[in-house]
Amino acid sequence: MLDPQSPQARAISDLFNSTMLLALGILALVTGLVVYAIFRFRHKPGQPDPTPVFGHLKLETAWTVGPLLIVGLLLGLVVFTVGEADPAGGENGNKQPDMIIVGHQWWWEIRYPQASVVTANEIHIPVGKSLYTRLESADVIHSFWVPQLSRKLDLTPGYPTYFYLQASRPGVYQGACAEYCGTEHAWMLLRVTAQTQGDYDAWLAGQSRPPAMPPPTAGQLGKGLQVFKEETCISCHALGQIGKHVGPDLSHVGSRNTLGAGILTNTPANLTKWLKDPQAVKPGILMPNVRLTDDEVQALVAYLEALK
């Protein structure tokens, strides 16, 4: 709110600032009148009791009309802000979204349907361009919130929400789930990377390429792919056209900065820790400990880190 980086967030910030200035003005006026009354009308020795006042039409009109005008002004500001902060509010989702964000316990699935790209937890957008985005939930109610870019938006199962996601300048913007959704709610983080159009196009093209599929004889990489296919990994995770989308798509997992929706930085050491016992890193998640051997873990880490 204090550092808005999109037109939508700017509208919310301006409403907050306007309301705060108006409230401070009212506070100053009331405080000033109280202080004035204390000194101007305080009782003095020998002074008779003041004459009761049973009505003052002008004063009563002022304190009735004044608050009505203030409330009307605030209503107007709110209506204007709603239009600026939620330009997709009147749309019913008939047009094709540029991006689909799905909330899971406890990670984010991001789809770019026009490019057939699926990734997780890290959103990429071009600077200065509004992406028409659909929000969905795969299980319980979540809430998408990137404070510098958008208002909070609930993800309710069976009821998609539409909005425009935009950033005014390049940067990495941190976000999170803002609706309690279970054990690891606090570690359901996400990040939005706003890039120049050229960098975004290059990233999207890289994500569109099929993941490397080395033969089993190709050293650690081949063995890692074999472990992925022969163990339970393929039952929940996808690599291009193989596997399932129960868990995050791993087609280009090596290009991501984080693991486990922000709980770990994506390094070989952290990925090793995650694969050996994900429950120890993020208790309560749906990914089980499949009891891989050290050799299997090392081969799988080598392969996954190579998927850029």
Protein backbone atom coordinates (compact mmCIF):
# COMPACT_ATOMS: atom_id res chain seq x y z
CA MET A 1 0.00 0.00 0.00
CA LEU A 2 2.84 2.40 0.81
CA ASP A 3 4.73 1.58 -2.40
CA PRO A 4 2.15 0.87 -5.12
CA GLN A 5 3.57 -0.35 -8.42
CA SER A 6 0.45 -0.79 -10.54
CA PRO A 7 -2.51 1.43 -11.47
CA GLN A 8 -4.79 -0.78 -9.36
CA ALA A 9 -2.59 -0.59 -6.27
CA ARG A 10 -2.10 3.16 -6.85
CA ALA A 11 -5.88 3.69 -6.75
CA ILE A 12 -6.12 1.86 -3.40
CA SER A 13 -3.17 3.81 -2.02
CA ASP A 14 -4.70 7.12 -3.13
CA LEU A 15 -7.98 6.21 -1.39
CA PHE A 16 -6.10 5.39 1.80
CA ASN A 17 -4.14 8.65 1.68
CA SER A 18 -7.23 10.74 0.90
CA THR A 19 -9.20 9.12 3.73
CA MET A 20 -6.29 9.61 6.13
CA LEU A 21 -5.92 13.30 5.23
CA LEU A 22 -9.67 13.83 5.64
CA ALA A 23 -9.62 12.07 9.03
CA LEU A 24 -6.65 14.15 10.16
CA GLY A 25 -8.50 17.32 9.10
CA ILE A 26 -11.54 16.32 11.15
CA LEU A 27 -9.29 15.48 14.11
CA ALA A 28 -7.59 18.87 13.89
CA LEU A 29 -10.95 20.67 13.67
CA VAL A 30 -12.52 18.84 16.61
CA THR A 31 -9.38 19.16 18.73
CA GLY A 32 -9.13 22.85 17.93
CA LEU A 33 -12.77 23.49 18.84
CA VAL A 34 -12.40 21.57 22.11
CA VAL A 35 -9.26 23.51 23.08
CA TYR A 36 -10.94 26.80 22.11
CA ALA A 37 -14.01 25.96 24.20
CA ILE A 38 -11.85 25.00 27.19
CA PHE A 39 -10.15 28.39 27.31
CA ARG A 40 -12.96 30.61 25.95
CA PHE A 41 -15.82 29.29 28.04
CA ARG A 42 -14.16 28.05 31.20
CA HIS A 43 -15.82 29.07 34.46
CA LYS A 44 -14.43 32.13 36.26
CA PRO A 45 -14.87 33.03 39.95
CA GLY A 46 -18.07 35.00 40.55
CA GLN A 47 -19.40 34.31 37.06
CA PRO A 48 -23.11 33.31 36.97
CA ASP A 49 -24.21 30.06 35.38
CA PRO A 50 -24.55 30.36 31.60
CA THR A 51 -27.97 30.70 30.01
CA PRO A 52 -29.22 27.33 28.64
CA VAL A 53 -29.49 27.10 24.89
CA PHE A 54 -32.44 25.01 23.70
CA GLY A 55 -31.87 25.27 19.98
CA HIS A 56 -29.52 26.73 17.39
CA LEU A 57 -30.77 26.12 13.86
CA LYS A 58 -27.59 27.13 12.03
CA LEU A 59 -25.33 25.05 14.27
CA GLU A 60 -27.61 22.01 14.12
CA THR A 61 -27.83 22.30 10.34
CA ALA A 62 -24.03 22.53 10.08
CA TRP A 63 -23.33 19.40 12.13
CA THR A 64 -25.96 17.47 10.16
CA VAL A 65 -25.06 18.61 6.65
CA GLY A 66 -21.29 18.55 7.30
CA PRO A 67 -21.05 14.82 8.10
CA LEU A 68 -23.42 14.01 5.21
CA LEU A 69 -21.12 15.85 2.81
CA ILE A 70 -18.09 14.02 4.24
CA VAL A 71 -19.79 10.61 3.91
CA GLY A 72 -20.88 11.50 0.37
CA LEU A 73 -17.32 12.47 -0.54
CA LEU A 74 -15.98 9.20 0.88
CA LEU A 75 -18.63 7.24 -1.02
CA GLY A 76 -17.63 8.94 -4.24
CA LEU A 77 -13.95 8.18 -3.63
CA VAL A 78 -14.72 4.52 -2.88
CA VAL A 79 -16.87 4.09 -6.01
CA PHE A 80 -14.13 5.65 -8.15
CA THR A 81 -11.47 3.45 -6.52
CA VAL A 82 -13.49 0.28 -7.06
CA GLY A 83 -13.63 1.05 -10.76
CA GLU A 84 -9.90 1.73 -10.94
CA ALA A 85 -8.78 -1.16 -8.70
CA ASP A 86 -11.11 -3.75 -10.21
CA PRO A 87 -11.49 -3.04 -13.95
CA ALA A 88 -12.51 -6.68 -14.53
CA GLY A 89 -15.31 -6.53 -11.97
CA GLY A 90 -18.04 -6.24 -14.61
CA GLU A 91 -16.66 -8.98 -16.87
CA ASN A 92 -18.03 -12.50 -16.75
CA GLY A 93 -14.95 -14.37 -17.95
CA ASN A 94 -16.18 -15.06 -21.48
CA LYS A 95 -12.89 -13.99 -23.03
CA GLN A 96 -9.75 -16.11 -22.94
CA PRO A 97 -7.54 -15.32 -19.93
CA ASP A 98 -3.87 -14.53 -20.44
CA MET A 99 -3.07 -16.35 -17.21
CA ILE A 100 -4.75 -18.77 -14.82
CA ILE A 101 -3.68 -18.96 -11.16
CA VAL A 102 -4.87 -21.94 -9.13
CA GLY A 103 -4.49 -22.09 -5.35
CA HIS A 104 -3.62 -25.46 -3.80
CA GLN A 105 -2.76 -26.49 -0.26
CA TRP A 106 -0.10 -25.01 -0.07
CA TRP A 107 1.30 -23.79 -3.37
CA TRP A 108 0.32 -21.85 -6.47
CA GLU A 109 -0.17 -23.26 -9.96
CA ILE A 110 0.31 -20.74 -12.78
CA ARG A 111 -0.83 -21.43 -16.32
CA TYR A 112 -0.30 -19.39 -19.48
CA PRO A 113 -2.91 -21.08 -21.72
CA GLN A 114 -2.02 -19.27 -24.94
CA ALA A 115 1.59 -20.47 -24.68
CA SER A 116 0.75 -23.90 -23.12
CA VAL A 117 3.09 -23.10 -20.21
CA VAL A 118 2.57 -24.40 -16.67
CA THR A 119 4.74 -23.36 -13.74
CA ALA A 120 4.46 -22.96 -9.97
CA ASN A 121 4.76 -20.27 -7.29
CA GLU A 122 6.60 -17.75 -9.48
CA ILE A 123 4.63 -15.51 -11.82
CA HIS A 124 6.25 -13.64 -14.72
CA ILE A 125 4.54 -10.65 -16.36
CA PRO A 126 5.63 -7.97 -18.86
CA VAL A 127 5.98 -4.45 -17.49
CA GLY A 128 3.20 -2.02 -18.37
CA LYS A 129 0.85 -4.65 -19.77
CA SER A 130 -2.34 -5.86 -18.10
CA LEU A 131 -2.76 -9.63 -18.07
CA TYR A 132 -6.37 -10.76 -17.84
CA THR A 133 -6.16 -13.36 -15.07
CA ARG A 134 -8.49 -16.03 -13.75
CA LEU A 135 -8.23 -17.17 -10.14
CA GLU A 136 -9.36 -20.65 -9.11
CA SER A 137 -9.08 -22.89 -6.06
CA ALA A 138 -8.43 -26.62 -6.19
CA ASP A 139 -9.48 -27.32 -2.61
CA VAL A 140 -10.33 -24.69 0.03
CA ILE A 141 -10.70 -20.90 0.07
CA HIS A 142 -7.42 -19.10 -0.58
CA SER A 143 -6.71 -15.40 -1.11
CA PHE A 144 -4.30 -13.98 -3.68
CA TRP A 145 -2.48 -10.86 -2.44
CA VAL A 146 0.51 -9.03 -3.86
CA PRO A 147 0.31 -5.73 -1.91
CA GLN A 148 2.28 -3.62 -4.39
CA LEU A 149 0.25 -4.81 -7.38
CA SER A 150 -3.30 -5.75 -6.41
CA ARG A 151 -6.01 -5.91 -3.80
CA LYS A 152 -6.78 -9.13 -1.96
CA LEU A 153 -8.80 -11.52 -4.12
CA ASP A 154 -10.44 -14.66 -2.76
CA LEU A 155 -10.18 -18.00 -4.56
CA THR A 156 -13.39 -19.90 -3.82
CA PRO A 157 -13.82 -23.50 -5.05
CA GLY A 158 -16.21 -23.57 -8.01
CA TYR A 159 -16.38 -19.77 -8.38
CA PRO A 160 -13.60 -18.32 -10.60
CA THR A 161 -12.56 -14.70 -10.06
CA TYR A 162 -11.22 -12.42 -12.80
CA PHE A 163 -8.89 -9.45 -12.52
CA TYR A 164 -6.05 -7.66 -14.32
CA LEU A 165 -2.50 -8.12 -13.07
CA GLN A 166 -0.08 -5.37 -14.02
CA ALA A 167 3.22 -3.84 -12.86
CA SER A 168 4.40 -0.33 -13.66
CA ARG A 169 8.12 -1.03 -13.44
CA PRO A 170 10.48 -4.04 -13.46
CA GLY A 171 11.09 -5.80 -10.18
CA VAL A 172 10.24 -8.76 -7.98
CA TYR A 173 7.06 -8.34 -5.92
CA GLN A 174 6.34 -10.60 -2.97
CA GLY A 175 2.89 -12.02 -2.33
CA ALA A 176 1.12 -14.58 -0.20
CA CYS A 177 -2.14 -16.32 0.55
CA ALA A 178 -4.11 -13.93 2.76
CA GLU A 179 -6.85 -16.36 3.84
CA TYR A 180 -6.06 -19.05 6.42
CA CYS A 181 -6.18 -22.33 4.50
CA GLY A 182 -4.63 -24.93 6.78
CA THR A 183 -1.40 -26.05 8.43
CA GLU A 184 1.13 -24.49 6.05
CA HIS A 185 -0.84 -21.34 5.20
CA ALA A 186 2.06 -19.15 6.36
CA TRP A 187 4.34 -20.80 3.79
CA MET A 188 2.03 -20.38 0.81
CA LEU A 189 4.13 -17.59 -0.67
CA LEU A 190 4.51 -16.41 -4.23
CA ARG A 191 6.51 -13.87 -6.16
CA VAL A 192 5.72 -11.82 -9.24
CA THR A 193 8.63 -10.96 -11.53
CA ALA A 194 7.89 -8.00 -13.78
CA GLN A 195 10.17 -7.91 -16.82
CA THR A 196 10.65 -5.93 -20.00
CA GLN A 197 8.64 -7.30 -22.89
CA GLY A 198 11.78 -8.79 -24.46
CA ASP A 199 12.84 -10.57 -21.27
CA TYR A 200 9.32 -11.82 -20.70
CA ASP A 201 9.06 -13.18 -24.25
CA ALA A 202 12.41 -14.94 -23.81
CA TRP A 203 11.30 -16.45 -20.50
CA LEU A 204 7.99 -17.62 -21.97
CA ALA A 205 9.76 -19.15 -24.98
CA GLY A 206 12.13 -21.01 -22.66
CA GLN A 207 9.24 -22.32 -20.58
CA SER A 208 7.48 -23.47 -23.77
CA ARG A 209 10.32 -25.78 -24.74
CA PRO A 210 9.84 -29.43 -23.76
CA PRO A 211 12.01 -30.59 -20.85
CA ALA A 212 15.19 -32.52 -21.58
CA MET A 213 14.62 -36.29 -21.73
CA PRO A 214 18.07 -37.93 -21.65
CA PRO A 215 18.36 -41.72 -22.11
CA PRO A 216 18.98 -43.86 -19.01
CA THR A 217 22.58 -44.29 -20.11
CA ALA A 218 23.29 -40.53 -19.95
CA GLY A 219 25.01 -40.51 -16.54
CA GLN A 220 23.36 -38.82 -13.55
CA LEU A 221 20.83 -36.98 -15.71
CA GLY A 222 19.61 -40.19 -17.32
CA LYS A 223 19.47 -41.95 -13.98
CA GLY A 224 17.57 -39.01 -12.48
CA LEU A 225 14.92 -39.17 -15.18
CA GLN A 226 14.67 -42.93 -14.65
CA VAL A 227 14.13 -42.39 -10.91
CA PHE A 228 11.43 -39.82 -11.70
CA LYS A 229 9.59 -42.28 -13.93
CA GLU A 230 10.03 -45.41 -11.80
CA GLU A 231 9.33 -43.94 -8.35
CA THR A 232 6.12 -42.18 -7.32
CA CYS A 233 7.23 -38.75 -8.69
CA ILE A 234 5.44 -39.30 -11.99
CA SER A 235 2.16 -40.01 -10.17
CA CYS A 236 1.89 -36.39 -9.00
CA HIS A 237 4.29 -34.24 -11.03
CA ALA A 238 4.47 -33.54 -14.75
CA LEU A 239 7.45 -33.21 -17.07
CA GLY A 240 6.06 -31.85 -20.31
CA GLN A 241 3.61 -34.45 -21.61
CA ILE A 242 4.38 -37.15 -19.03
CA GLY A 243 3.18 -37.34 -15.46
CA LYS A 244 0.23 -35.67 -13.74
CA HIS A 245 -0.58 -32.20 -12.43
CA VAL A 246 -1.48 -33.18 -8.88
CA GLY A 247 1.59 -31.37 -7.59
CA PRO A 248 3.69 -28.59 -9.17
CA ASP A 249 4.79 -29.02 -12.78
CA LEU A 250 8.55 -29.72 -12.81
CA SER A 251 9.26 -29.20 -16.52
CA HIS A 252 11.57 -26.24 -15.81
CA VAL A 253 11.96 -26.43 -12.04
CA GLY A 254 15.68 -25.64 -12.27
CA SER A 255 14.86 -22.13 -13.50
CA ARG A 256 12.89 -21.25 -10.37
CA ASN A 257 14.30 -19.32 -7.45
CA THR A 258 12.40 -21.07 -4.67
CA LEU A 259 11.15 -24.48 -3.58
CA GLY A 260 8.04 -25.41 -1.63
CA ALA A 261 6.20 -22.12 -2.32
CA GLY A 262 8.97 -19.98 -0.89
CA ILE A 263 10.09 -22.04 2.09
CA LEU A 264 13.54 -22.77 0.57
CA THR A 265 15.87 -21.15 -1.93
CA ASN A 266 16.32 -23.38 -4.97
CA THR A 267 19.81 -24.81 -4.51
CA PRO A 268 21.07 -28.40 -4.94
CA ALA A 269 21.56 -28.69 -1.17
CA ASN A 270 18.02 -27.50 -0.41
CA LEU A 271 16.50 -29.66 -3.13
CA THR A 272 18.33 -32.64 -1.63
CA LYS A 273 16.88 -31.82 1.78
CA TRP A 274 13.41 -31.50 0.28
CA LEU A 275 13.52 -34.80 -1.61
CA LYS A 276 14.91 -36.77 1.32
CA ASP A 277 12.12 -35.74 3.69
CA PRO A 278 9.65 -33.04 2.55
CA GLN A 279 7.59 -33.47 5.73
CA ALA A 280 10.57 -32.37 7.82
CA VAL A 281 10.82 -29.16 5.78
CA LYS A 282 7.12 -28.37 5.45
CA PRO A 283 5.04 -30.49 7.87
CA GLY A 284 1.55 -31.40 6.73
CA ILE A 285 2.03 -31.07 2.98
CA LEU A 286 0.60 -33.72 0.69
CA MET A 287 4.00 -34.82 -0.66
CA PRO A 288 5.06 -37.97 1.22
CA ASN A 289 8.53 -39.18 2.10
CA VAL A 290 9.06 -41.89 -0.55
CA ARG A 291 12.26 -43.17 1.11
CA LEU A 292 14.63 -42.58 -1.80
CA THR A 293 18.20 -43.80 -1.39
CA ASP A 294 21.02 -41.26 -1.28
CA ASP A 295 22.10 -42.26 -4.81
CA GLU A 296 18.54 -41.84 -6.12
CA VAL A 297 18.23 -38.44 -4.47
CA GLN A 298 21.53 -37.22 -5.92
CA ALA A 299 20.58 -38.41 -9.42
CA LEU A 300 17.15 -36.80 -9.17
CA VAL A 301 18.64 -33.53 -7.91
CA ALA A 302 21.13 -33.47 -10.80
CA TYR A 303 18.35 -33.99 -13.33
CA LEU A 304 15.84 -31.53 -11.84
CA GLU A 305 18.41 -28.76 -11.39
CA ALA A 306 19.32 -29.16 -15.08
CA LEU A 307 15.73 -28.39 -16.14
CA LYS A 308 16.15 -24.68 -16.81
